[in-house]
């Protein structure tokens, strides 16, 4: 891949190449990790990348259900008792990456859904299901590179969380001193800066696969 024309800014064509690189690496290396469940590139009126994480969280059932379950199994069958007294809750987090026509950098939108297809889009649900524990205090007091707010989704107009890109250019420039960077490396750098505080970590298998692909292309040339 050719270096970006105007790092830390990225053009629409470079952005699409960057998204496609992530999709390609997921296709090759996705089976080696379990953090991302799906990666898709949409090319409609607006090209954007969607990365899906599925969280399975253990939950305690109501005490009455536990008592009833215990009555139905032998008192010394501990494994059966445990399986009856606990359950599992499935949560899907969709990270969608668009190109900002104003700032000319990627921007991150976050949507939450439970297995019934809905989670109240509140700041409480964001902190409970998305923000990693080690970042909660920082995000709550200082925001993530400009702050997380609610916004209308660019493609669906649904209310979703939005990481404002006002400081992204400065953060990218400070994190990468060279002016020559390819679109595939750029998107990984951007995810490391913006995604981490919002729970969007690049799986090691994807990051290594991307690096190996870059080296292989360089050797071939």
C-alpha atoms as a PDB file:
ATOM      1  CA  UNK A   1       0.000   0.000   0.000  1.00  0.00           C
ATOM      2  CA  UNK A   2       1.079   3.579  -0.685  1.00  0.00           C
ATOM      3  CA  UNK A   3       1.610   6.007   2.230  1.00  0.00           C
ATOM      4  CA  UNK A   4      -1.223   8.366   3.072  1.00  0.00           C
ATOM      5  CA  UNK A   5      -1.217  11.578   1.100  1.00  0.00           C
ATOM      6  CA  UNK A   6      -1.796  13.893   4.082  1.00  0.00           C
ATOM      7  CA  UNK A   7      -1.200  12.107   7.400  1.00  0.00           C
ATOM      8  CA  UNK A   8      -2.776  12.468   9.941  1.00  0.00           C
ATOM      9  CA  UNK A   9      -5.738  13.144   7.634  1.00  0.00           C
ATOM     10  CA  UNK A  10      -7.127  10.336   5.486  1.00  0.00           C
ATOM     11  CA  UNK A  11      -9.038  10.480   2.209  1.00  0.00           C
ATOM     12  CA  UNK A  12     -12.233   8.562   1.454  1.00  0.00           C
ATOM     13  CA  UNK A  13     -10.351   6.135  -0.799  1.00  0.00           C
ATOM     14  CA  UNK A  14      -7.612   5.573   1.803  1.00  0.00           C
ATOM     15  CA  UNK A  15     -10.227   5.064   4.490  1.00  0.00           C
ATOM     16  CA  UNK A  16     -11.972   2.377   2.440  1.00  0.00           C
ATOM     17  CA  UNK A  17      -8.626   0.651   1.856  1.00  0.00           C
ATOM     18  CA  UNK A  18      -7.943   0.748   5.593  1.00  0.00           C
ATOM     19  CA  UNK A  19     -11.324  -0.802   6.398  1.00  0.00           C
ATOM     20  CA  UNK A  20     -10.851  -3.492   3.760  1.00  0.00           C
ATOM     21  CA  UNK A  21      -7.462  -4.355   5.263  1.00  0.00           C
ATOM     22  CA  UNK A  22      -9.116  -5.040   8.632  1.00  0.00           C
ATOM     23  CA  UNK A  23     -11.791  -7.201   6.983  1.00  0.00           C
ATOM     24  CA  UNK A  24      -9.126  -9.162   5.101  1.00  0.00           C
ATOM     25  CA  UNK A  25      -7.016  -9.783   8.200  1.00  0.00           C
ATOM     26  CA  UNK A  26     -10.087 -10.888  10.145  1.00  0.00           C
ATOM     27  CA  UNK A  27     -10.889 -13.355   7.378  1.00  0.00           C
ATOM     28  CA  UNK A  28      -7.387 -14.804   7.629  1.00  0.00           C
ATOM     29  CA  UNK A  29      -6.767 -14.594  11.364  1.00  0.00           C
ATOM     30  CA  UNK A  30     -10.183 -14.234  12.993  1.00  0.00           C
ATOM     31  CA  UNK A  31     -10.300 -17.903  14.009  1.00  0.00           C
ATOM     32  CA  UNK A  32      -7.199 -17.352  16.170  1.00  0.00           C
ATOM     33  CA  UNK A  33      -9.005 -14.984  18.552  1.00  0.00           C
ATOM     34  CA  UNK A  34     -12.347 -14.712  20.337  1.00  0.00           C
ATOM     35  CA  UNK A  35     -12.636 -10.966  21.002  1.00  0.00           C
ATOM     36  CA  UNK A  36     -14.249  -9.967  17.697  1.00  0.00           C
ATOM     37  CA  UNK A  37     -17.147 -12.083  16.475  1.00  0.00           C
ATOM     38  CA  UNK A  38     -17.702 -10.350  13.125  1.00  0.00           C
ATOM     39  CA  UNK A  39     -16.081  -7.698  10.908  1.00  0.00           C
ATOM     40  CA  UNK A  40     -17.962  -6.196   7.957  1.00  0.00           C
ATOM     41  CA  UNK A  41     -17.393  -3.431   5.424  1.00  0.00           C
ATOM     42  CA  UNK A  42     -20.494  -1.670   4.126  1.00  0.00           C
ATOM     43  CA  UNK A  43     -20.325   0.270   0.865  1.00  0.00           C
ATOM     44  CA  UNK A  44     -23.596   2.122   0.612  1.00  0.00           C
ATOM     45  CA  UNK A  45     -23.966   5.889   0.394  1.00  0.00           C
ATOM     46  CA  UNK A  46     -21.401   5.993   3.193  1.00  0.00           C
ATOM     47  CA  UNK A  47     -18.630   3.385   3.416  1.00  0.00           C
ATOM     48  CA  UNK A  48     -18.124   2.206   6.992  1.00  0.00           C
ATOM     49  CA  UNK A  49     -16.639  -0.617   9.016  1.00  0.00           C
ATOM     50  CA  UNK A  50     -18.563  -2.612  11.626  1.00  0.00           C
ATOM     51  CA  UNK A  51     -16.810  -4.673  14.283  1.00  0.00           C
ATOM     52  CA  UNK A  52     -19.041  -6.797  16.519  1.00  0.00           C
ATOM     53  CA  UNK A  53     -18.196  -8.140  19.954  1.00  0.00           C
ATOM     54  CA  UNK A  54     -20.458 -10.599  21.745  1.00  0.00           C
ATOM     55  CA  UNK A  55     -20.230 -10.648  25.522  1.00  0.00           C
ATOM     56  CA  UNK A  56     -21.487 -13.588  27.572  1.00  0.00           C
ATOM     57  CA  UNK A  57     -21.969 -12.521  31.159  1.00  0.00           C
ATOM     58  CA  UNK A  58     -22.852 -14.857  34.011  1.00  0.00           C
ATOM     59  CA  UNK A  59     -25.879 -13.714  36.017  1.00  0.00           C
ATOM     60  CA  UNK A  60     -27.574 -14.930  39.184  1.00  0.00           C
ATOM     61  CA  UNK A  61     -31.154 -16.063  38.823  1.00  0.00           C
ATOM     62  CA  UNK A  62     -33.809 -15.034  41.311  1.00  0.00           C
ATOM     63  CA  UNK A  63     -33.460 -16.751  44.648  1.00  0.00           C
ATOM     64  CA  UNK A  64     -36.848 -18.417  44.219  1.00  0.00           C
ATOM     65  CA  UNK A  65     -35.691 -20.010  40.970  1.00  0.00           C
ATOM     66  CA  UNK A  66     -32.535 -21.225  42.678  1.00  0.00           C
ATOM     67  CA  UNK A  67     -34.482 -22.751  45.520  1.00  0.00           C
ATOM     68  CA  UNK A  68     -36.780 -24.532  43.104  1.00  0.00           C
ATOM     69  CA  UNK A  69     -33.852 -25.836  41.084  1.00  0.00           C
ATOM     70  CA  UNK A  70     -32.130 -27.170  44.195  1.00  0.00           C
ATOM     71  CA  UNK A  71     -35.228 -29.138  45.132  1.00  0.00           C
ATOM     72  CA  UNK A  72     -35.090 -30.925  41.782  1.00  0.00           C
ATOM     73  CA  UNK A  73     -31.510 -32.222  42.018  1.00  0.00           C
ATOM     74  CA  UNK A  74     -29.682 -34.403  44.478  1.00  0.00           C
ATOM     75  CA  UNK A  75     -28.147 -32.391  47.289  1.00  0.00           C
ATOM     76  CA  UNK A  76     -24.639 -33.734  46.626  1.00  0.00           C
ATOM     77  CA  UNK A  77     -24.723 -33.004  42.870  1.00  0.00           C
ATOM     78  CA  UNK A  78     -22.783 -29.715  43.049  1.00  0.00           C
ATOM     79  CA  UNK A  79     -22.341 -29.330  39.279  1.00  0.00           C
ATOM     80  CA  UNK A  80     -26.060 -29.652  38.657  1.00  0.00           C
ATOM     81  CA  UNK A  81     -26.832 -27.201  41.444  1.00  0.00           C
ATOM     82  CA  UNK A  82     -24.470 -24.619  39.947  1.00  0.00           C
ATOM     83  CA  UNK A  83     -25.901 -24.940  36.446  1.00  0.00           C
ATOM     84  CA  UNK A  84     -29.433 -24.474  37.778  1.00  0.00           C
ATOM     85  CA  UNK A  85     -28.618 -21.475  39.996  1.00  0.00           C
ATOM     86  CA  UNK A  86     -26.754 -19.380  37.432  1.00  0.00           C
ATOM     87  CA  UNK A  87     -27.595 -18.205  33.950  1.00  0.00           C
ATOM     88  CA  UNK A  88     -25.974 -16.357  31.087  1.00  0.00           C
ATOM     89  CA  UNK A  89     -26.743 -12.996  29.538  1.00  0.00           C
ATOM     90  CA  UNK A  90     -25.671 -12.190  25.984  1.00  0.00           C
ATOM     91  CA  UNK A  91     -24.725  -8.658  25.014  1.00  0.00           C
ATOM     92  CA  UNK A  92     -23.734  -7.503  21.533  1.00  0.00           C
ATOM     93  CA  UNK A  93     -21.594  -4.417  21.045  1.00  0.00           C
ATOM     94  CA  UNK A  94     -21.315  -2.938  17.556  1.00  0.00           C
ATOM     95  CA  UNK A  95     -18.434  -0.571  16.847  1.00  0.00           C
ATOM     96  CA  UNK A  96     -18.952   1.300  13.591  1.00  0.00           C
ATOM     97  CA  UNK A  97     -16.217   3.393  12.037  1.00  0.00           C
ATOM     98  CA  UNK A  98     -17.069   6.201   9.614  1.00  0.00           C
ATOM     99  CA  UNK A  99     -14.944   8.860   7.955  1.00  0.00           C
ATOM    100  CA  UNK A 100     -15.695  12.368   9.200  1.00  0.00           C
ATOM    101  CA  UNK A 101     -16.056  14.689   6.179  1.00  0.00           C
ATOM    102  CA  UNK A 102     -15.246  17.668   8.413  1.00  0.00           C
ATOM    103  CA  UNK A 103     -12.252  16.394  10.404  1.00  0.00           C
ATOM    104  CA  UNK A 104     -11.070  13.914   7.719  1.00  0.00           C
ATOM    105  CA  UNK A 105     -10.301  11.232  10.311  1.00  0.00           C
ATOM    106  CA  UNK A 106     -12.184   8.087  11.338  1.00  0.00           C
ATOM    107  CA  UNK A 107     -14.910   8.465  13.941  1.00  0.00           C
ATOM    108  CA  UNK A 108     -16.323   5.789  16.217  1.00  0.00           C
ATOM    109  CA  UNK A 109     -20.003   5.029  16.875  1.00  0.00           C
ATOM    110  CA  UNK A 110     -21.048   2.471  19.491  1.00  0.00           C
ATOM    111  CA  UNK A 111     -24.324   0.564  19.675  1.00  0.00           C
ATOM    112  CA  UNK A 112     -25.466  -1.884  22.371  1.00  0.00           C
ATOM    113  CA  UNK A 113     -27.996  -4.675  22.028  1.00  0.00           C
ATOM    114  CA  UNK A 114     -29.045  -7.531  24.273  1.00  0.00           C
ATOM    115  CA  UNK A 115     -30.432 -10.784  22.897  1.00  0.00           C
ATOM    116  CA  UNK A 116     -33.854  -9.146  22.661  1.00  0.00           C
ATOM    117  CA  UNK A 117     -32.399  -6.526  20.336  1.00  0.00           C
ATOM    118  CA  UNK A 118     -32.447  -3.486  22.607  1.00  0.00           C
ATOM    119  CA  UNK A 119     -30.450  -1.841  25.385  1.00  0.00           C
ATOM    120  CA  UNK A 120     -31.404   1.609  26.696  1.00  0.00           C
ATOM    121  CA  UNK A 121     -28.872   4.036  25.158  1.00  0.00           C
ATOM    122  CA  UNK A 122     -27.847   5.611  28.445  1.00  0.00           C
ATOM    123  CA  UNK A 123     -24.472   6.569  29.866  1.00  0.00           C
ATOM    124  CA  UNK A 124     -25.063   3.954  32.584  1.00  0.00           C
ATOM    125  CA  UNK A 125     -25.318   1.150  30.028  1.00  0.00           C
ATOM    126  CA  UNK A 126     -22.151   2.446  28.363  1.00  0.00           C
ATOM    127  CA  UNK A 127     -20.151   2.267  31.585  1.00  0.00           C
ATOM    128  CA  UNK A 128     -21.622  -1.091  32.570  1.00  0.00           C
ATOM    129  CA  UNK A 129     -21.012  -2.937  29.309  1.00  0.00           C
ATOM    130  CA  UNK A 130     -18.415  -1.066  27.240  1.00  0.00           C
ATOM    131  CA  UNK A 131     -15.872   1.052  29.111  1.00  0.00           C
ATOM    132  CA  UNK A 132     -13.079  -1.110  30.612  1.00  0.00           C
ATOM    133  CA  UNK A 133     -12.707  -0.774  34.366  1.00  0.00           C
ATOM    134  CA  UNK A 134      -9.237   0.781  34.183  1.00  0.00           C
ATOM    135  CA  UNK A 135     -10.522   3.599  31.936  1.00  0.00           C
ATOM    136  CA  UNK A 136     -13.796   4.439  33.678  1.00  0.00           C
ATOM    137  CA  UNK A 137     -12.450   7.196  35.904  1.00  0.00           C
ATOM    138  CA  UNK A 138     -10.539   8.823  33.037  1.00  0.00           C
ATOM    139  CA  UNK A 139     -13.469   8.670  30.633  1.00  0.00           C
ATOM    140  CA  UNK A 140     -15.929   9.941  33.217  1.00  0.00           C
ATOM    141  CA  UNK A 141     -13.813  12.993  34.064  1.00  0.00           C
ATOM    142  CA  UNK A 142     -11.993  13.776  30.854  1.00  0.00           C
ATOM    143  CA  UNK A 143     -13.742  11.938  28.022  1.00  0.00           C
ATOM    144  CA  UNK A 144     -12.038  10.013  25.237  1.00  0.00           C
ATOM    145  CA  UNK A 145     -10.138  12.309  22.891  1.00  0.00           C
ATOM    146  CA  UNK A 146     -12.863  14.926  23.095  1.00  0.00           C
ATOM    147  CA  UNK A 147     -15.649  13.070  24.887  1.00  0.00           C
ATOM    148  CA  UNK A 148     -18.350  10.437  24.364  1.00  0.00           C
ATOM    149  CA  UNK A 149     -21.800  11.800  23.622  1.00  0.00           C
ATOM    150  CA  UNK A 150     -25.060  10.641  22.082  1.00  0.00           C
ATOM    151  CA  UNK A 151     -25.580  11.261  18.362  1.00  0.00           C
ATOM    152  CA  UNK A 152     -27.726  10.065  15.479  1.00  0.00           C
ATOM    153  CA  UNK A 153     -26.189   7.210  13.546  1.00  0.00           C
ATOM    154  CA  UNK A 154     -25.106   8.461  10.064  1.00  0.00           C
ATOM    155  CA  UNK A 155     -26.797   5.561   8.244  1.00  0.00           C
ATOM    156  CA  UNK A 156     -29.779   4.634  10.424  1.00  0.00           C
ATOM    157  CA  UNK A 157     -30.491   7.848  12.384  1.00  0.00           C
ATOM    158  CA  UNK A 158     -30.806   5.765  15.554  1.00  0.00           C
ATOM    159  CA  UNK A 159     -29.395   7.240  18.779  1.00  0.00           C
ATOM    160  CA  UNK A 160     -25.956   5.751  19.455  1.00  0.00           C
ATOM    161  CA  UNK A 161     -22.826   6.685  21.367  1.00  0.00           C
ATOM    162  CA  UNK A 162     -20.330   8.819  19.494  1.00  0.00           C
ATOM    163  CA  UNK A 163     -16.642   9.487  20.236  1.00  0.00           C
ATOM    164  CA  UNK A 164     -16.036  13.069  19.163  1.00  0.00           C
ATOM    165  CA  UNK A 165     -12.985  13.405  16.845  1.00  0.00           C
ATOM    166  CA  UNK A 166     -12.002  16.981  17.727  1.00  0.00           C
ATOM    167  CA  UNK A 167      -8.634  15.932  19.214  1.00  0.00           C
ATOM    168  CA  UNK A 168      -7.937  12.919  17.006  1.00  0.00           C
ATOM    169  CA  UNK A 169      -5.625  14.744  14.579  1.00  0.00           C
ATOM    170  CA  UNK A 170      -3.343  15.971  17.378  1.00  0.00           C
ATOM    171  CA  UNK A 171      -3.326  12.557  19.058  1.00  0.00           C
ATOM    172  CA  UNK A 172      -2.385  10.785  15.833  1.00  0.00           C
ATOM    173  CA  UNK A 173       0.355  13.286  15.043  1.00  0.00           C
ATOM    174  CA  UNK A 174       1.818  12.974  18.545  1.00  0.00           C
ATOM    175  CA  UNK A 175       1.759   9.167  18.443  1.00  0.00           C
ATOM    176  CA  UNK A 176       3.420   8.719  15.065  1.00  0.00           C
ATOM    177  CA  UNK A 177       6.290  11.032  14.217  1.00  0.00           C
ATOM    178  CA  UNK A 178       6.887   9.812  10.675  1.00  0.00           C
ATOM    179  CA  UNK A 179       4.905  11.328   7.838  1.00  0.00           C
ATOM    180  CA  UNK A 180       4.751   8.109   5.795  1.00  0.00           C
ATOM    181  CA  UNK A 181       2.219   5.576   7.003  1.00  0.00           C
ATOM    182  CA  UNK A 182       0.035   3.207   5.007  1.00  0.00           C
ATOM    183  CA  UNK A 183      -3.717   3.036   5.438  1.00  0.00           C
ATOM    184  CA  UNK A 184      -3.632  -0.427   7.051  1.00  0.00           C
ATOM    185  CA  UNK A 185      -1.152   0.707   9.705  1.00  0.00           C
ATOM    186  CA  UNK A 186      -3.078   3.956  10.154  1.00  0.00           C
ATOM    187  CA  UNK A 187      -6.341   2.215  11.090  1.00  0.00           C
ATOM    188  CA  UNK A 188      -4.549   0.092  13.695  1.00  0.00           C
ATOM    189  CA  UNK A 189      -2.922   3.193  15.158  1.00  0.00           C
ATOM    190  CA  UNK A 190      -6.277   4.949  15.258  1.00  0.00           C
ATOM    191  CA  UNK A 191      -7.962   1.992  16.980  1.00  0.00           C
ATOM    192  CA  UNK A 192      -5.212   1.901  19.583  1.00  0.00           C
ATOM    193  CA  UNK A 193      -5.763   5.578  20.406  1.00  0.00           C
ATOM    194  CA  UNK A 194      -9.546   5.879  20.170  1.00  0.00           C
ATOM    195  CA  UNK A 195     -10.825   2.337  20.596  1.00  0.00           C
ATOM    196  CA  UNK A 196      -9.039   1.207  23.745  1.00  0.00           C
ATOM    197  CA  UNK A 197     -10.937   3.450  26.161  1.00  0.00           C
ATOM    198  CA  UNK A 198     -14.209   2.334  24.547  1.00  0.00           C
ATOM    199  CA  UNK A 199     -13.424  -1.381  24.757  1.00  0.00           C
ATOM    200  CA  UNK A 200     -12.352  -1.728  21.107  1.00  0.00           C
ATOM    201  CA  UNK A 201      -9.045  -3.531  21.494  1.00  0.00           C
ATOM    202  CA  UNK A 202      -7.299  -4.920  18.416  1.00  0.00           C
ATOM    203  CA  UNK A 203      -6.856  -8.662  19.020  1.00  0.00           C
ATOM    204  CA  UNK A 204      -3.220  -9.764  18.978  1.00  0.00           C
ATOM    205  CA  UNK A 205      -3.864 -12.210  16.140  1.00  0.00           C
ATOM    206  CA  UNK A 206      -5.307  -9.428  13.974  1.00  0.00           C
ATOM    207  CA  UNK A 207      -2.509  -6.987  14.810  1.00  0.00           C
ATOM    208  CA  UNK A 208       0.243  -9.541  14.164  1.00  0.00           C
ATOM    209  CA  UNK A 209      -1.442 -10.758  11.014  1.00  0.00           C
ATOM    210  CA  UNK A 210      -1.605  -7.193   9.747  1.00  0.00           C
ATOM    211  CA  UNK A 211       2.087  -6.660  10.485  1.00  0.00           C
ATOM    212  CA  UNK A 212       3.066  -9.925   8.808  1.00  0.00           C
ATOM    213  CA  UNK A 213       1.014  -9.009   5.751  1.00  0.00           C
ATOM    214  CA  UNK A 214       2.728  -5.612   5.559  1.00  0.00           C
ATOM    215  CA  UNK A 215       6.194  -7.161   5.779  1.00  0.00           C
ATOM    216  CA  UNK A 216       5.312  -9.779   3.213  1.00  0.00           C
ATOM    217  CA  UNK A 217       4.127  -7.140   0.769  1.00  0.00           C
ATOM    218  CA  UNK A 218       7.323  -5.167   1.331  1.00  0.00           C
ATOM    219  CA  UNK A 219       9.530  -8.207   0.723  1.00  0.00           C
ATOM    220  CA  UNK A 220       7.627  -9.058  -2.436  1.00  0.00           C
ATOM    221  CA  UNK A 221       8.198  -5.600  -3.850  1.00  0.00           C
END
